[in-house]
Amino acid sequence: MKRNMWFVFLLSMLLLIALSGCLGSSSSSSDDDTDTNTDTETNTDTETDSEDNEADVIRIASAETGADTIEVLQNAGDKYEAEFGTKVEVEAVPLADIFTKINATYGTSAQYDAFLTGFIGHISILEEEGKLAPVDDIIENLGGKEDFYDGQILFPIEEQTYWIPYDYNLAYGYIRTDWLEEKGLSVPKTWDELVNVAKEFTNKEENKYGLILPLKSDGATNWVTSSLLWANEVRIFDDDWNVILDSEEMKPKVVESLNLLKELFPYMPSEAANASYSELTETFISDQVGMTFYSGRLVDILEEKNPELGENFEVFGIPMQDGNGVAATLGYDSIGILESEHTDETKKFVEWFYKEELFSFLHTYGVHYFPAQESIYNSEEWRDDPVIQKYWESGVEPQYDLLKNAELHSIDSDGPTTDARPGKVFEAFLIPKLFQKVTLNNEDPGEAVDDIADEIRSLVDN
């Protein structure tokens, strides 16, 4: 009996242990499965959120690298994200590097969605490569092409617009009026007067020079020094896209402009050989040169670094050879939108930015950011800025006068229509090479023109 009871007891215990093990295993397994499923669902949600966040990030490369300007762009991005949920990342990229970086990252995970640039040549090349989104709808919503000085700053390509300008950025002259007064001279109106003023200003023993023009192979030389060509009505292409730089009609004009550059070269500091944008302002503000050539930004810089100079300069256009008018190089700053999976959202942000934040942006360099829209130029909100008001007569109105009356042209806008060919000439730095040949290398101007014309033909044919 005891044996049977022991057997029953033992069997009961084994069943209880087995049952407990099964229940424990089931419970444990259930908990593990629940945890695993929860983790899986959480991970899936995290991945989805990550993908959504990635899709909702707009990346902008800004050639406007000033600290205040970048801060405005970043603050605008923060406001946009708070209101619409789309993150905006802004990266400062120097103007000299931005075109290369856009191309290097296009189609990669590091691609930008929009960019700020200063040259139509960048736009025309990127459009030819199919990398840009048209922005005519944004232009229309901002007041239409008529507000952009009757559309003259839009440079459409086959009747579509691919950038949204926010300023005109002409290259023109600045001259020290106190130096003129000391020498008994006036602002030069002809080429002979320009050379004479440069000569009279120069005193190498005191490190004083007449002027500075950049000669380096970069955008500054393309933009600034080319004004000597436009002051003699030089053109690179004809209406059929033939290279005419060395043609029977055009070559004498080019040679005359190059001879003017050769005459001016001895009155430039050594920095001219490698000068870019910063040297054009620094040499003027530090009293090293009496004439420089730049945009309205020079006024903003001197107000910051040498405000006493604010009463001793005058803006002037590059004189035509015989004094019959003046010239300036076209310049313009704008935003372009790249084709990407974020194009629609990027366009929404850019339009919102122009409507909501543009005045704050323009006021970071008040004289430099001369509005690309007449409605903004005429608005009290834009004009109500201390620097703009201080330099209205000396730095702002002269830009408007040049815009309306000067001979305006540029390398990358040359030709009968907006096209990648002059953009490629711009990016190849062939015109700076032409200037270097006759100054740094002392080559014959006529031969230099022939050589560069052939290089341009080879470039555009390929």
Protein backbone atom coordinates (compact mmCIF):
# COMPACT_ATOMS: atom_id res chain seq x y z
CA MET A 1 0.00 0.00 0.00
CA LYS A 2 2.80 2.32 0.98
CA ARG A 3 4.58 1.38 -2.23
CA ASN A 4 1.48 2.30 -4.26
CA MET A 5 1.06 5.55 -2.37
CA TRP A 6 4.71 6.39 -2.97
CA PHE A 7 4.28 5.59 -6.66
CA VAL A 8 1.21 7.85 -6.89
CA PHE A 9 3.04 10.62 -5.02
CA LEU A 10 6.04 10.36 -7.28
CA LEU A 11 3.91 10.32 -10.43
CA SER A 12 2.00 13.37 -9.20
CA MET A 13 5.21 15.25 -8.58
CA LEU A 14 6.56 14.42 -12.03
CA LEU A 15 3.33 15.58 -13.63
CA LEU A 16 3.40 18.80 -11.60
CA ILE A 17 7.00 19.50 -12.57
CA ALA A 18 6.24 18.79 -16.21
CA LEU A 19 3.16 20.94 -16.09
CA SER A 20 5.02 23.74 -14.37
CA GLY A 21 7.80 23.51 -16.94
CA CYS A 22 5.36 23.67 -19.79
CA LEU A 23 3.51 26.60 -18.26
CA GLY A 24 6.77 28.33 -17.47
CA SER A 25 8.08 27.66 -20.92
CA SER A 26 4.88 28.88 -22.48
CA SER A 27 4.84 32.00 -20.35
CA SER A 28 8.49 32.69 -20.98
CA SER A 29 8.14 32.03 -24.64
CA SER A 30 5.11 34.24 -24.78
CA ASP A 31 6.95 37.05 -23.02
CA ASP A 32 9.94 36.65 -25.28
CA ASP A 33 7.75 36.64 -28.36
CA THR A 34 5.92 39.68 -27.08
CA ASP A 35 9.21 41.45 -26.40
CA THR A 36 10.58 40.39 -29.74
CA ASN A 37 7.46 41.50 -31.54
CA THR A 38 7.49 44.75 -29.64
CA ASP A 39 11.15 45.27 -30.52
CA THR A 40 10.47 44.34 -34.11
CA GLU A 41 7.56 46.75 -34.28
CA THR A 42 9.62 49.43 -32.54
CA ASN A 43 12.54 48.89 -34.88
CA THR A 44 10.23 48.98 -37.86
CA ASP A 45 8.73 52.20 -36.60
CA THR A 46 12.20 53.60 -35.98
CA GLU A 47 13.33 52.65 -39.45
CA THR A 48 10.17 54.12 -40.94
CA ASP A 49 10.61 57.30 -38.92
CA SER A 50 14.25 57.43 -40.00
CA GLU A 51 13.28 56.99 -43.62
CA ASP A 52 10.53 59.59 -43.28
CA ASN A 53 12.92 62.01 -41.59
CA GLU A 54 15.49 61.42 -44.31
CA ALA A 55 12.86 62.08 -46.93
CA ASP A 56 11.83 65.25 -45.10
CA VAL A 57 15.31 66.80 -44.98
CA ILE A 58 16.08 69.57 -47.45
CA ARG A 59 19.81 70.15 -47.92
CA ILE A 60 20.92 73.60 -49.11
CA ALA A 61 24.40 74.67 -50.20
CA SER A 62 24.87 78.40 -49.71
CA ALA A 63 27.54 80.37 -51.54
CA GLU A 64 26.56 83.19 -49.19
CA THR A 65 28.92 82.24 -46.39
CA GLY A 66 28.73 85.32 -44.14
CA ALA A 67 27.94 84.37 -40.54
CA ASP A 68 24.89 86.64 -40.32
CA THR A 69 23.50 85.38 -43.62
CA ILE A 70 23.97 81.74 -42.69
CA GLU A 71 22.29 82.41 -39.36
CA VAL A 72 19.24 83.87 -41.13
CA LEU A 73 19.06 80.83 -43.41
CA GLN A 74 19.37 78.43 -40.50
CA ASN A 75 16.76 80.29 -38.45
CA ALA A 76 14.44 80.22 -41.44
CA GLY A 77 14.97 76.47 -41.64
CA ASP A 78 14.09 76.09 -37.96
CA LYS A 79 10.89 78.10 -38.43
CA TYR A 80 9.92 76.07 -41.46
CA GLU A 81 10.49 72.80 -39.63
CA ALA A 82 8.43 73.98 -36.66
CA GLU A 83 5.54 74.96 -38.93
CA PHE A 84 5.63 72.25 -41.58
CA GLY A 85 7.68 69.42 -40.10
CA THR A 86 10.34 69.43 -42.79
CA LYS A 87 13.93 69.78 -41.63
CA VAL A 88 16.18 72.21 -43.53
CA GLU A 89 19.95 71.85 -43.34
CA VAL A 90 22.12 74.73 -44.58
CA GLU A 91 25.80 74.33 -45.43
CA ALA A 92 28.13 77.21 -46.23
CA VAL A 93 30.11 76.45 -49.40
CA PRO A 94 32.45 79.11 -50.87
CA LEU A 95 31.36 80.41 -54.25
CA ALA A 96 34.61 79.18 -55.81
CA ASP A 97 33.74 75.61 -54.73
CA ILE A 98 29.99 75.40 -55.00
CA PHE A 99 29.66 74.34 -58.64
CA THR A 100 32.20 71.55 -58.20
CA LYS A 101 30.57 70.34 -54.99
CA ILE A 102 27.07 70.31 -56.49
CA ASN A 103 28.27 68.12 -59.35
CA ALA A 104 30.37 65.85 -57.12
CA THR A 105 27.44 65.08 -54.82
CA TYR A 106 24.63 64.95 -57.36
CA GLY A 107 22.94 61.55 -57.39
CA THR A 108 24.55 60.50 -54.10
CA SER A 109 23.19 60.39 -50.57
CA ALA A 110 24.95 63.72 -49.99
CA GLN A 111 23.13 65.50 -52.83
CA TYR A 112 21.86 69.00 -52.23
CA ASP A 113 18.27 69.94 -52.97
CA ALA A 114 18.88 73.65 -53.52
CA PHE A 115 21.83 76.00 -53.75
CA LEU A 116 22.69 79.69 -53.73
CA THR A 117 24.99 80.78 -56.53
CA GLY A 118 26.17 83.94 -58.25
CA PHE A 119 26.57 82.89 -61.88
CA ILE A 120 24.11 82.09 -64.66
CA GLY A 121 26.84 79.86 -66.13
CA HIS A 122 26.31 77.41 -63.28
CA ILE A 123 22.60 77.34 -64.05
CA SER A 124 22.97 76.87 -67.81
CA ILE A 125 25.39 73.95 -67.45
CA LEU A 126 23.33 72.20 -64.77
CA GLU A 127 20.18 72.65 -66.86
CA GLU A 128 21.86 71.14 -69.90
CA GLU A 129 22.76 68.13 -67.76
CA GLY A 130 19.14 67.73 -66.66
CA LYS A 131 19.86 68.46 -63.01
CA LEU A 132 17.60 71.47 -62.45
CA ALA A 133 13.89 71.89 -61.80
CA PRO A 134 12.08 74.79 -63.51
CA VAL A 135 10.78 77.47 -61.13
CA ASP A 136 8.36 79.50 -63.25
CA ASP A 137 5.55 78.72 -60.82
CA ILE A 138 7.51 80.26 -57.96
CA ILE A 139 8.39 83.33 -60.04
CA GLU A 140 4.71 83.80 -60.83
CA ASN A 141 3.74 83.48 -57.16
CA LEU A 142 6.37 86.08 -56.22
CA GLY A 143 4.90 88.74 -58.50
CA GLY A 144 5.68 87.50 -61.98
CA LYS A 145 8.60 88.11 -64.29
CA GLU A 146 7.61 91.77 -64.75
CA ASP A 147 8.64 92.43 -61.15
CA PHE A 148 12.10 91.03 -61.88
CA TYR A 149 12.94 94.12 -63.95
CA ASP A 150 10.72 92.92 -66.80
CA GLY A 151 12.35 89.50 -66.63
CA GLN A 152 15.79 90.70 -67.73
CA ILE A 153 17.44 89.01 -64.75
CA LEU A 154 15.69 85.65 -65.20
CA PHE A 155 17.62 84.36 -68.26
CA PRO A 156 15.07 81.75 -69.38
CA ILE A 157 16.22 78.63 -71.20
CA GLU A 158 13.77 77.56 -73.90
CA GLU A 159 11.11 79.70 -72.21
CA GLN A 160 11.58 78.15 -68.77
CA THR A 161 13.23 79.75 -65.74
CA TYR A 162 15.69 77.78 -63.62
CA TRP A 163 16.70 80.19 -60.90
CA ILE A 164 15.10 82.71 -58.56
CA PRO A 165 17.29 85.81 -58.18
CA TYR A 166 17.34 87.67 -54.90
CA ASP A 167 19.82 90.41 -55.88
CA TYR A 168 21.62 92.19 -58.66
CA ASN A 169 25.36 92.01 -58.10
CA LEU A 170 27.05 94.25 -60.66
CA ALA A 171 30.84 94.68 -60.75
CA TYR A 172 31.80 98.36 -60.99
CA GLY A 173 34.43 100.81 -59.78
CA TYR A 174 35.14 102.44 -56.42
CA ILE A 175 37.53 105.38 -56.21
CA ARG A 176 39.02 107.32 -53.30
CA THR A 177 37.69 110.86 -53.55
CA ASP A 178 40.21 112.16 -50.98
CA TRP A 179 43.04 110.86 -53.18
CA LEU A 180 41.47 112.58 -56.18
CA GLU A 181 41.23 115.85 -54.27
CA GLU A 182 44.82 115.60 -53.14
CA LYS A 183 45.99 115.15 -56.75
CA GLY A 184 43.58 117.68 -58.24
CA LEU A 185 41.92 114.97 -60.36
CA SER A 186 38.36 113.87 -61.05
CA VAL A 187 36.63 110.54 -61.56
CA PRO A 188 37.92 109.12 -64.87
CA LYS A 189 35.55 109.35 -67.83
CA THR A 190 37.83 107.94 -70.57
CA TRP A 191 40.52 105.27 -70.84
CA ASP A 192 43.27 107.88 -70.94
CA GLU A 193 41.94 109.46 -67.77
CA LEU A 194 41.69 106.04 -66.12
CA VAL A 195 45.35 105.32 -66.84
CA ASN A 196 46.42 108.79 -65.73
CA VAL A 197 44.56 108.53 -62.41
CA ALA A 198 46.09 105.08 -61.79
CA LYS A 199 49.54 106.50 -62.51
CA GLU A 200 49.08 109.57 -60.27
CA PHE A 201 47.78 107.45 -57.41
CA THR A 202 50.79 105.14 -57.50
CA ASN A 203 53.69 105.62 -55.09
CA LYS A 204 55.41 102.26 -54.71
CA GLU A 205 57.78 103.49 -52.01
CA GLU A 206 54.76 104.18 -49.82
CA ASN A 207 52.99 100.99 -50.96
CA LYS A 208 50.31 103.05 -52.70
CA TYR A 209 48.90 101.86 -56.02
CA GLY A 210 46.44 103.16 -58.55
CA LEU A 211 44.12 100.18 -58.71
CA ILE A 212 43.70 96.44 -58.44
CA LEU A 213 42.11 94.07 -60.94
CA PRO A 214 42.19 90.32 -60.26
CA LEU A 215 44.22 88.13 -62.64
CA LYS A 216 43.87 84.76 -60.93
CA SER A 217 42.12 81.87 -62.74
CA ASP A 218 38.88 82.08 -60.82
CA GLY A 219 35.44 83.62 -60.77
CA ALA A 220 36.61 87.01 -59.53
CA THR A 221 38.66 87.60 -62.68
CA ASN A 222 35.83 86.28 -64.86
CA TRP A 223 33.46 88.69 -63.18
CA VAL A 224 35.51 91.83 -62.53
CA THR A 225 38.36 92.18 -65.02
CA SER A 226 36.15 91.23 -67.96
CA SER A 227 34.48 94.63 -67.53
CA LEU A 228 37.33 96.07 -69.64
CA LEU A 229 35.98 94.00 -72.54
CA TRP A 230 32.40 95.18 -72.11
CA ALA A 231 33.68 98.78 -71.97
CA ASN A 232 34.70 98.25 -75.60
CA GLU A 233 31.58 96.27 -76.59
CA VAL A 234 33.45 92.99 -77.00
CA ARG A 235 31.46 89.81 -77.60
CA ILE A 236 32.57 86.17 -77.67
CA PHE A 237 29.79 84.58 -79.77
CA ASP A 238 27.63 85.88 -82.59
CA ASP A 239 23.92 85.19 -83.06
CA ASP A 240 24.67 81.81 -84.66
CA TRP A 241 27.03 80.69 -81.87
CA ASN A 242 30.16 81.23 -83.92
CA VAL A 243 33.22 82.28 -81.89
CA ILE A 244 33.99 85.81 -83.05
CA LEU A 245 36.61 86.88 -80.51
CA ASP A 246 39.27 86.80 -83.23
CA SER A 247 37.07 87.93 -86.11
CA GLU A 248 38.04 90.82 -88.34
CA GLU A 249 35.49 93.07 -86.64
CA MET A 250 35.91 91.97 -83.03
CA LYS A 251 39.63 91.26 -82.65
CA PRO A 252 40.74 94.93 -82.81
CA LYS A 253 38.34 95.73 -79.96
CA VAL A 254 39.67 92.86 -77.85
CA VAL A 255 43.26 93.94 -78.51
CA GLU A 256 42.42 97.52 -77.47
CA SER A 257 40.97 96.27 -74.19
CA LEU A 258 44.02 94.08 -73.57
CA ASN A 259 46.36 96.99 -74.27
CA LEU A 260 44.42 99.03 -71.70
CA LEU A 261 44.95 96.23 -69.19
CA LYS A 262 48.67 96.19 -70.01
CA GLU A 263 48.87 99.95 -69.41
CA LEU A 264 47.13 99.62 -66.05
CA PHE A 265 49.11 96.60 -64.88
CA PRO A 266 52.24 98.51 -63.69
CA TYR A 267 50.04 100.51 -61.31
CA MET A 268 48.69 97.43 -59.51
CA PRO A 269 50.15 95.83 -56.38
CA SER A 270 51.74 92.40 -56.61
CA GLU A 271 48.61 90.93 -55.02
CA ALA A 272 46.81 91.36 -58.34
CA ALA A 273 48.45 88.24 -59.80
CA ASN A 274 46.67 86.02 -57.27
CA ALA A 275 43.86 88.31 -56.24
CA SER A 276 40.36 87.04 -55.67
CA TYR A 277 37.37 88.65 -54.00
CA SER A 278 38.89 89.39 -50.59
CA GLU A 279 41.96 91.20 -51.99
CA LEU A 280 39.70 93.58 -53.91
CA THR A 281 38.18 94.84 -50.68
CA GLU A 282 41.17 94.55 -48.36
CA THR A 283 43.56 96.59 -50.50
CA PHE A 284 41.00 99.37 -50.86
CA ILE A 285 39.92 99.51 -47.23
CA SER A 286 43.54 99.40 -46.01
CA ASP A 287 44.52 102.43 -48.16
CA GLN A 288 46.78 100.39 -50.45
CA VAL A 289 44.91 101.16 -53.69
CA GLY A 290 42.94 104.18 -54.81
CA MET A 291 40.61 102.26 -57.14
CA THR A 292 39.07 98.83 -56.92
CA PHE A 293 36.23 97.03 -58.65
CA TYR A 294 33.59 95.11 -56.78
CA SER A 295 29.90 95.06 -55.85
CA GLY A 296 27.89 96.72 -53.09
CA ARG A 297 29.38 94.32 -50.57
CA LEU A 298 32.48 96.52 -50.38
CA VAL A 299 30.35 99.21 -48.72
CA ASP A 300 29.04 96.77 -46.14
CA ILE A 301 32.60 95.62 -45.41
CA LEU A 302 34.07 99.11 -45.05
CA GLU A 303 31.18 100.08 -42.77
CA GLU A 304 32.24 97.21 -40.54
CA LYS A 305 36.03 97.56 -40.79
CA ASN A 306 36.77 101.18 -41.69
CA PRO A 307 33.63 103.36 -41.41
CA GLU A 308 35.73 106.54 -41.66
CA LEU A 309 36.24 105.65 -45.32
CA GLY A 310 32.49 105.92 -45.87
CA GLU A 311 32.78 109.60 -46.72
CA ASN A 312 35.76 109.24 -49.04
CA PHE A 313 34.68 107.04 -51.92
CA GLU A 314 32.59 107.30 -55.07
CA VAL A 315 31.06 104.63 -57.27
CA PHE A 316 31.80 104.82 -60.99
CA GLY A 317 31.21 102.73 -64.08
CA ILE A 318 34.16 101.51 -66.14
CA PRO A 319 34.50 104.24 -68.78
CA MET A 320 34.19 103.55 -72.47
CA GLN A 321 37.32 104.30 -74.47
CA ASP A 322 36.21 107.72 -75.69
CA GLY A 323 34.07 108.62 -72.70
CA ASN A 324 30.80 107.85 -74.45
CA GLY A 325 29.20 105.90 -71.60
CA VAL A 326 30.23 103.38 -68.96
CA ALA A 327 30.14 99.61 -68.49
CA ALA A 328 29.74 97.13 -65.65
CA THR A 329 29.75 93.37 -65.46
CA LEU A 330 26.45 91.63 -64.88
CA GLY A 331 26.17 89.75 -61.64
CA TYR A 332 23.24 88.25 -59.81
CA ASP A 333 22.73 86.01 -56.82
CA SER A 334 19.98 83.44 -56.84
CA ILE A 335 18.62 80.11 -55.65
CA GLY A 336 18.45 77.09 -57.93
CA ILE A 337 16.55 73.89 -57.19
CA LEU A 338 18.02 70.52 -58.11
CA GLU A 339 15.96 67.61 -59.36
CA SER A 340 15.61 65.13 -56.51
CA GLU A 341 13.02 63.13 -54.64
CA HIS A 342 12.56 66.24 -52.48
CA THR A 343 11.98 68.71 -55.33
CA ASP A 344 8.34 69.50 -54.52
CA GLU A 345 9.03 70.11 -50.85
CA THR A 346 12.13 72.14 -51.69
CA LYS A 347 10.10 74.39 -53.97
CA LYS A 348 7.59 74.93 -51.17
CA PHE A 349 10.35 75.94 -48.80
CA VAL A 350 12.04 78.28 -51.28
CA GLU A 351 8.79 80.07 -52.07
CA TRP A 352 7.99 80.34 -48.35
CA PHE A 353 11.48 81.73 -47.72
CA TYR A 354 11.12 84.46 -50.35
CA LYS A 355 7.74 85.47 -48.96
CA GLU A 356 8.54 85.26 -45.25
CA GLU A 357 12.28 85.71 -44.67
CA LEU A 358 13.79 87.53 -47.66
CA PHE A 359 13.94 90.97 -46.04
CA SER A 360 15.85 89.60 -43.05
CA PHE A 361 18.20 87.88 -45.45
CA LEU A 362 18.78 90.97 -47.63
CA HIS A 363 19.45 93.17 -44.62
CA THR A 364 22.46 91.09 -43.54
CA TYR A 365 24.43 92.91 -46.28
CA GLY A 366 22.14 95.82 -47.04
CA VAL A 367 24.07 97.57 -49.82
CA HIS A 368 25.35 94.36 -51.40
CA TYR A 369 21.98 92.65 -51.71
CA PHE A 370 20.51 95.08 -54.23
CA PRO A 371 17.01 93.60 -54.76
CA ALA A 372 16.26 91.57 -57.87
CA GLN A 373 12.64 92.70 -57.70
CA GLU A 374 11.57 96.28 -58.28
CA SER A 375 8.76 95.95 -55.73
CA ILE A 376 11.34 95.19 -53.05
CA TYR A 377 13.67 97.99 -54.17
CA ASN A 378 10.76 100.42 -53.84
CA SER A 379 9.51 99.03 -50.53
CA GLU A 380 9.90 100.90 -47.26
CA GLU A 381 10.54 97.63 -45.45
CA TRP A 382 13.72 97.04 -47.46
CA ARG A 383 14.84 100.68 -47.38
CA ASP A 384 14.29 100.93 -43.63
CA ASP A 385 17.74 99.64 -42.78
CA PRO A 386 20.47 101.78 -41.16
CA VAL A 387 23.24 100.86 -43.61
CA ILE A 388 21.01 101.28 -46.67
CA GLN A 389 19.87 104.67 -45.40
CA LYS A 390 23.41 105.80 -44.58
CA TYR A 391 24.77 104.88 -48.01
CA TRP A 392 21.65 105.51 -50.08
CA GLU A 393 23.16 108.32 -52.17
CA SER A 394 26.74 107.04 -52.31
CA GLY A 395 26.25 103.26 -52.52
CA VAL A 396 22.68 102.32 -53.43
CA GLU A 397 21.32 104.81 -55.96
CA PRO A 398 24.52 104.58 -58.08
CA GLN A 399 23.85 100.85 -58.50
CA TYR A 400 20.36 101.60 -59.80
CA ASP A 401 21.80 104.16 -62.20
CA LEU A 402 24.30 101.62 -63.55
CA LEU A 403 21.58 99.01 -63.85
CA LYS A 404 19.52 101.35 -66.00
CA ASN A 405 22.23 103.11 -68.02
CA ALA A 406 25.51 101.16 -68.18
CA GLU A 407 26.62 98.69 -70.83
CA LEU A 408 26.00 95.44 -68.94
CA HIS A 409 27.38 92.07 -70.00
CA SER A 410 29.14 88.99 -68.68
CA ILE A 411 31.04 85.96 -69.96
CA ASP A 412 28.42 83.44 -68.93
CA SER A 413 25.52 85.40 -70.44
CA ASP A 414 27.22 85.93 -73.82
CA GLY A 415 25.53 84.72 -76.99
CA PRO A 416 22.02 85.01 -78.48
CA THR A 417 20.29 83.00 -75.73
CA THR A 418 21.01 81.53 -72.32
CA ASP A 419 23.15 78.51 -73.08
CA ALA A 420 25.73 76.18 -71.56
CA ARG A 421 28.43 77.18 -74.07
CA PRO A 422 29.35 80.53 -72.48
CA GLY A 423 28.92 78.83 -69.10
CA LYS A 424 31.62 76.35 -70.07
CA VAL A 425 33.89 79.18 -71.21
CA PHE A 426 33.33 80.76 -67.81
CA GLU A 427 34.13 77.55 -65.91
CA ALA A 428 37.25 76.87 -68.03
CA PHE A 429 38.68 80.29 -67.01
CA LEU A 430 39.78 81.00 -70.56
CA ILE A 431 39.21 84.76 -70.34
CA PRO A 432 41.37 85.00 -67.19
CA LYS A 433 43.98 83.02 -69.13
CA LEU A 434 43.78 85.66 -71.86
CA PHE A 435 44.42 88.42 -69.31
CA GLN A 436 47.35 86.49 -67.82
CA LYS A 437 48.96 86.08 -71.23
CA VAL A 438 49.26 89.82 -71.81
CA THR A 439 50.14 90.87 -68.24
CA LEU A 440 51.97 88.15 -66.32
CA ASN A 441 53.48 86.55 -69.45
CA ASN A 442 53.86 89.75 -71.52
CA GLU A 443 52.62 88.03 -74.69
CA ASP A 444 51.50 89.85 -77.80
CA PRO A 445 47.78 90.71 -77.40
CA GLY A 446 46.89 89.76 -80.98
CA GLU A 447 48.48 86.33 -80.67
CA ALA A 448 46.88 85.83 -77.28
CA VAL A 449 43.43 86.52 -78.74
CA ASP A 450 44.00 83.98 -81.54
CA ASP A 451 45.11 81.32 -79.06
CA ILE A 452 42.17 81.80 -76.71
CA ALA A 453 39.63 81.95 -79.55
CA ASP A 454 40.88 78.58 -80.77
CA GLU A 455 40.66 77.15 -77.24
CA ILE A 456 37.08 78.36 -76.95
CA ARG A 457 36.16 76.71 -80.25
CA SER A 458 37.72 73.46 -79.14
CA LEU A 459 35.87 73.63 -75.83
CA VAL A 460 32.41 74.29 -77.22
CA ASP A 461 32.83 71.87 -80.15
CA ASN A 462 33.55 69.10 -77.68
